Amino acid sequence: MSEFLNRPCPAACPWLGSPDCALCTDAERFVRHYVHGPVLCPMDEHEREFCVGEADHCGEGMFSEDQLVAMSDQELAKSVMTAWSAYVSSNCM
């Protein structure tokens, strides 16, 4: 994940140019790079474990661990964003 920490948000990010753009955490910026691409290198084992853990925990049963492990990097990143969104909707609003 460290290679993404100092990169700007991807051009396709819906918040790019918005005052809210600075609100993304390093983890969210990392995931958004894989969602919106193009990403030249695959996730390493640690990055995939992080994403599987986030989608599993925050998705609250939305995805099985087997499903998450079998996903491509982009599909896994999208699943993390979906899980984060669902978690916020069900727990924070």
N, C-alpha and C. Protein backbone atom coordinates (compact mmCIF):
# COMPACT_ATOMS: atom_id res chain seq x y z
N MET A 1 0.81 -1.19 0.00
CA MET A 1 0.00 0.00 0.00
C MET A 1 0.86 1.26 0.00
N SER A 2 2.08 1.13 0.44
CA SER A 2 2.93 2.31 0.61
C SER A 2 3.17 3.07 -0.68
N GLU A 3 3.18 2.39 -1.82
CA GLU A 3 3.43 3.09 -3.07
C GLU A 3 2.29 4.04 -3.45
N PHE A 4 1.12 3.88 -2.84
CA PHE A 4 -0.03 4.73 -3.15
C PHE A 4 -0.19 5.90 -2.19
N LEU A 5 0.57 5.91 -1.12
CA LEU A 5 0.33 6.89 -0.07
C LEU A 5 0.54 8.33 -0.52
N ASN A 6 1.49 8.57 -1.40
CA ASN A 6 1.76 9.94 -1.83
C ASN A 6 1.25 10.25 -3.22
N ARG A 7 0.51 9.34 -3.81
CA ARG A 7 -0.05 9.58 -5.14
C ARG A 7 -1.32 10.40 -5.03
N PRO A 8 -1.60 11.19 -6.06
CA PRO A 8 -2.88 11.91 -6.07
C PRO A 8 -4.02 10.93 -6.30
N CYS A 9 -5.23 11.38 -6.06
CA CYS A 9 -6.40 10.54 -6.32
C CYS A 9 -6.46 10.20 -7.80
N PRO A 10 -7.02 9.04 -8.16
CA PRO A 10 -7.14 8.69 -9.56
C PRO A 10 -8.08 9.66 -10.27
N ALA A 11 -7.85 9.88 -11.56
CA ALA A 11 -8.63 10.86 -12.32
C ALA A 11 -10.13 10.55 -12.31
N ALA A 12 -10.49 9.27 -12.22
CA ALA A 12 -11.90 8.90 -12.24
C ALA A 12 -12.57 9.01 -10.87
N CYS A 13 -11.83 9.37 -9.85
CA CYS A 13 -12.41 9.49 -8.51
C CYS A 13 -13.51 10.54 -8.52
N PRO A 14 -14.69 10.22 -8.00
CA PRO A 14 -15.79 11.18 -8.03
C PRO A 14 -15.55 12.42 -7.17
N TRP A 15 -14.59 12.37 -6.24
CA TRP A 15 -14.33 13.50 -5.36
C TRP A 15 -13.18 14.37 -5.86
N LEU A 16 -12.51 13.98 -6.96
CA LEU A 16 -11.36 14.73 -7.45
C LEU A 16 -11.75 16.19 -7.72
N GLY A 17 -10.97 17.09 -7.19
CA GLY A 17 -11.25 18.50 -7.37
C GLY A 17 -12.22 19.07 -6.35
N SER A 18 -12.82 18.22 -5.56
CA SER A 18 -13.78 18.64 -4.56
C SER A 18 -13.04 18.97 -3.26
N PRO A 19 -13.58 19.86 -2.45
CA PRO A 19 -12.96 20.11 -1.14
C PRO A 19 -12.94 18.85 -0.27
N ASP A 20 -13.83 17.88 -0.56
CA ASP A 20 -13.89 16.64 0.20
C ASP A 20 -12.80 15.66 -0.19
N CYS A 21 -12.06 15.93 -1.25
CA CYS A 21 -11.03 15.00 -1.74
C CYS A 21 -10.02 14.69 -0.65
N ALA A 22 -9.68 15.65 0.15
CA ALA A 22 -8.68 15.45 1.20
C ALA A 22 -9.18 14.53 2.32
N LEU A 23 -10.46 14.18 2.31
CA LEU A 23 -11.01 13.35 3.37
C LEU A 23 -10.66 11.87 3.20
N CYS A 24 -10.22 11.45 2.02
CA CYS A 24 -9.87 10.05 1.81
C CYS A 24 -8.69 9.66 2.69
N THR A 25 -8.83 8.50 3.32
CA THR A 25 -7.70 7.96 4.08
C THR A 25 -6.73 7.32 3.09
N ASP A 26 -5.54 6.98 3.57
CA ASP A 26 -4.58 6.29 2.72
C ASP A 26 -5.17 4.99 2.19
N ALA A 27 -5.89 4.26 3.05
CA ALA A 27 -6.48 2.99 2.64
C ALA A 27 -7.53 3.21 1.55
N GLU A 28 -8.35 4.25 1.70
CA GLU A 28 -9.37 4.51 0.68
C GLU A 28 -8.74 4.93 -0.63
N ARG A 29 -7.72 5.75 -0.57
CA ARG A 29 -7.01 6.17 -1.79
C ARG A 29 -6.43 4.94 -2.49
N PHE A 30 -5.84 4.03 -1.71
CA PHE A 30 -5.28 2.79 -2.26
C PHE A 30 -6.36 1.99 -2.97
N VAL A 31 -7.50 1.78 -2.31
CA VAL A 31 -8.58 0.98 -2.89
C VAL A 31 -9.13 1.67 -4.14
N ARG A 32 -9.31 2.98 -4.08
CA ARG A 32 -9.85 3.70 -5.24
C ARG A 32 -8.94 3.58 -6.46
N HIS A 33 -7.64 3.49 -6.27
CA HIS A 33 -6.74 3.30 -7.41
C HIS A 33 -7.06 2.00 -8.14
N TYR A 34 -7.36 0.96 -7.40
CA TYR A 34 -7.70 -0.32 -8.03
C TYR A 34 -9.10 -0.31 -8.62
N VAL A 35 -10.02 0.44 -8.04
CA VAL A 35 -11.37 0.53 -8.58
C VAL A 35 -11.36 1.30 -9.90
N HIS A 36 -10.67 2.44 -9.91
CA HIS A 36 -10.72 3.34 -11.06
C HIS A 36 -9.57 3.15 -12.03
N GLY A 37 -8.50 2.42 -11.62
CA GLY A 37 -7.36 2.11 -12.47
C GLY A 37 -6.85 3.29 -13.27
N PRO A 38 -5.94 3.09 -14.19
CA PRO A 38 -5.24 1.82 -14.39
C PRO A 38 -4.13 1.65 -13.35
N VAL A 39 -3.98 0.45 -12.89
CA VAL A 39 -2.93 0.12 -11.93
C VAL A 39 -1.98 -0.84 -12.63
N LEU A 40 -0.71 -0.53 -12.59
CA LEU A 40 0.27 -1.30 -13.34
C LEU A 40 0.78 -2.54 -12.61
N CYS A 41 0.61 -2.58 -11.30
CA CYS A 41 1.12 -3.73 -10.56
C CYS A 41 -0.01 -4.39 -9.77
N PRO A 42 0.01 -5.69 -9.67
CA PRO A 42 -1.02 -6.38 -8.89
C PRO A 42 -0.82 -6.13 -7.40
N MET A 43 -1.89 -6.32 -6.63
CA MET A 43 -1.79 -6.22 -5.18
C MET A 43 -0.85 -7.32 -4.69
N ASP A 44 -0.07 -6.99 -3.67
CA ASP A 44 0.76 -8.04 -3.07
C ASP A 44 -0.09 -8.80 -2.04
N GLU A 45 0.48 -9.82 -1.46
CA GLU A 45 -0.26 -10.68 -0.52
C GLU A 45 -0.82 -9.89 0.66
N HIS A 46 -0.01 -8.99 1.21
CA HIS A 46 -0.45 -8.18 2.36
C HIS A 46 -1.62 -7.28 1.97
N GLU A 47 -1.55 -6.66 0.79
CA GLU A 47 -2.62 -5.77 0.33
C GLU A 47 -3.92 -6.54 0.10
N ARG A 48 -3.81 -7.73 -0.49
CA ARG A 48 -5.01 -8.55 -0.70
C ARG A 48 -5.59 -8.99 0.63
N GLU A 49 -4.75 -9.38 1.58
CA GLU A 49 -5.24 -9.77 2.91
C GLU A 49 -5.97 -8.61 3.57
N PHE A 50 -5.43 -7.41 3.45
CA PHE A 50 -6.08 -6.22 4.00
C PHE A 50 -7.47 -6.05 3.38
N CYS A 51 -7.55 -6.14 2.05
CA CYS A 51 -8.82 -5.94 1.35
C CYS A 51 -9.83 -7.04 1.69
N VAL A 52 -9.38 -8.28 1.73
CA VAL A 52 -10.28 -9.38 2.09
C VAL A 52 -10.81 -9.15 3.51
N GLY A 53 -9.94 -8.76 4.41
CA GLY A 53 -10.35 -8.50 5.80
C GLY A 53 -11.35 -7.37 5.91
N GLU A 54 -11.10 -6.29 5.18
CA GLU A 54 -12.03 -5.15 5.20
C GLU A 54 -13.39 -5.52 4.63
N ALA A 55 -13.39 -6.17 3.48
CA ALA A 55 -14.67 -6.54 2.85
C ALA A 55 -15.42 -7.56 3.69
N ASP A 56 -14.68 -8.48 4.31
CA ASP A 56 -15.32 -9.49 5.15
C ASP A 56 -15.91 -8.86 6.41
N HIS A 57 -15.13 -8.03 7.09
CA HIS A 57 -15.59 -7.41 8.34
C HIS A 57 -16.70 -6.40 8.08
N CYS A 58 -16.45 -5.46 7.19
CA CYS A 58 -17.41 -4.38 6.97
C CYS A 58 -18.63 -4.82 6.17
N GLY A 59 -18.45 -5.86 5.35
CA GLY A 59 -19.57 -6.35 4.55
C GLY A 59 -20.57 -7.15 5.36
N GLU A 60 -20.17 -7.54 6.57
CA GLU A 60 -21.07 -8.22 7.50
C GLU A 60 -21.84 -9.37 6.83
N GLY A 61 -21.10 -10.25 6.15
CA GLY A 61 -21.72 -11.41 5.52
C GLY A 61 -22.12 -11.22 4.08
N MET A 62 -21.88 -10.04 3.53
CA MET A 62 -22.23 -9.75 2.15
C MET A 62 -21.46 -10.65 1.17
N PHE A 63 -20.20 -10.95 1.53
CA PHE A 63 -19.33 -11.78 0.70
C PHE A 63 -18.75 -12.89 1.56
N SER A 64 -18.55 -14.06 0.96
CA SER A 64 -17.83 -15.10 1.69
C SER A 64 -16.33 -14.88 1.48
N GLU A 65 -15.53 -15.38 2.39
CA GLU A 65 -14.09 -15.24 2.24
C GLU A 65 -13.61 -15.93 0.97
N ASP A 66 -14.20 -17.06 0.63
CA ASP A 66 -13.83 -17.77 -0.60
C ASP A 66 -14.11 -16.91 -1.84
N GLN A 67 -15.24 -16.22 -1.84
CA GLN A 67 -15.55 -15.33 -2.97
C GLN A 67 -14.51 -14.22 -3.07
N LEU A 68 -14.19 -13.62 -1.95
CA LEU A 68 -13.25 -12.50 -1.95
C LEU A 68 -11.87 -12.92 -2.43
N VAL A 69 -11.39 -14.06 -1.95
CA VAL A 69 -10.06 -14.55 -2.32
C VAL A 69 -9.97 -14.82 -3.82
N ALA A 70 -11.08 -15.25 -4.42
CA ALA A 70 -11.09 -15.61 -5.84
C ALA A 70 -11.23 -14.40 -6.77
N MET A 71 -11.52 -13.23 -6.24
CA MET A 71 -11.75 -12.04 -7.06
C MET A 71 -10.45 -11.47 -7.63
N SER A 72 -10.59 -10.78 -8.75
CA SER A 72 -9.46 -10.02 -9.29
C SER A 72 -9.21 -8.83 -8.36
N ASP A 73 -8.08 -8.18 -8.53
CA ASP A 73 -7.77 -7.02 -7.69
C ASP A 73 -8.85 -5.94 -7.81
N GLN A 74 -9.29 -5.68 -9.03
CA GLN A 74 -10.31 -4.64 -9.21
C GLN A 74 -11.64 -5.05 -8.58
N GLU A 75 -12.05 -6.30 -8.76
CA GLU A 75 -13.29 -6.78 -8.15
C GLU A 75 -13.19 -6.73 -6.63
N LEU A 76 -12.05 -7.10 -6.09
CA LEU A 76 -11.85 -7.07 -4.64
C LEU A 76 -11.92 -5.64 -4.13
N ALA A 77 -11.29 -4.71 -4.83
CA ALA A 77 -11.34 -3.30 -4.42
C ALA A 77 -12.77 -2.78 -4.45
N LYS A 78 -13.53 -3.13 -5.49
CA LYS A 78 -14.93 -2.71 -5.57
C LYS A 78 -15.73 -3.30 -4.41
N SER A 79 -15.42 -4.54 -4.05
CA SER A 79 -16.11 -5.17 -2.92
C SER A 79 -15.81 -4.46 -1.62
N VAL A 80 -14.58 -3.99 -1.45
CA VAL A 80 -14.22 -3.22 -0.26
C VAL A 80 -15.03 -1.93 -0.21
N MET A 81 -15.11 -1.22 -1.33
CA MET A 81 -15.88 0.03 -1.36
C MET A 81 -17.36 -0.23 -1.06
N THR A 82 -17.90 -1.32 -1.62
CA THR A 82 -19.29 -1.68 -1.36
C THR A 82 -19.50 -2.01 0.11
N ALA A 83 -18.57 -2.77 0.68
CA ALA A 83 -18.67 -3.15 2.09
C ALA A 83 -18.55 -1.93 3.00
N TRP A 84 -17.61 -1.04 2.70
CA TRP A 84 -17.48 0.18 3.50
C TRP A 84 -18.77 0.99 3.46
N SER A 85 -19.33 1.14 2.27
CA SER A 85 -20.56 1.90 2.11
C SER A 85 -21.71 1.27 2.89
N ALA A 86 -21.84 -0.04 2.79
CA ALA A 86 -22.90 -0.75 3.51
C ALA A 86 -22.72 -0.61 5.02
N TYR A 87 -21.47 -0.69 5.47
CA TYR A 87 -21.18 -0.58 6.90
C TYR A 87 -21.59 0.79 7.43
N VAL A 88 -21.23 1.82 6.70
CA VAL A 88 -21.59 3.18 7.11
C VAL A 88 -23.11 3.35 7.10
N SER A 89 -23.76 2.83 6.07
CA SER A 89 -25.22 2.95 5.99
C SER A 89 -25.93 2.26 7.14
N SER A 90 -25.42 1.09 7.53
CA SER A 90 -26.12 0.34 8.57
C SER A 90 -25.69 0.68 9.99
N ASN A 91 -24.54 1.29 10.16
CA ASN A 91 -24.03 1.54 11.51
C ASN A 91 -23.84 3.01 11.88
N CYS A 92 -23.81 3.87 10.90
CA CYS A 92 -23.45 5.26 11.22
C CYS A 92 -24.51 6.27 10.85
N MET A 93 -25.59 5.85 10.28
CA MET A 93 -26.61 6.83 9.86
C MET A 93 -27.90 6.60 10.58
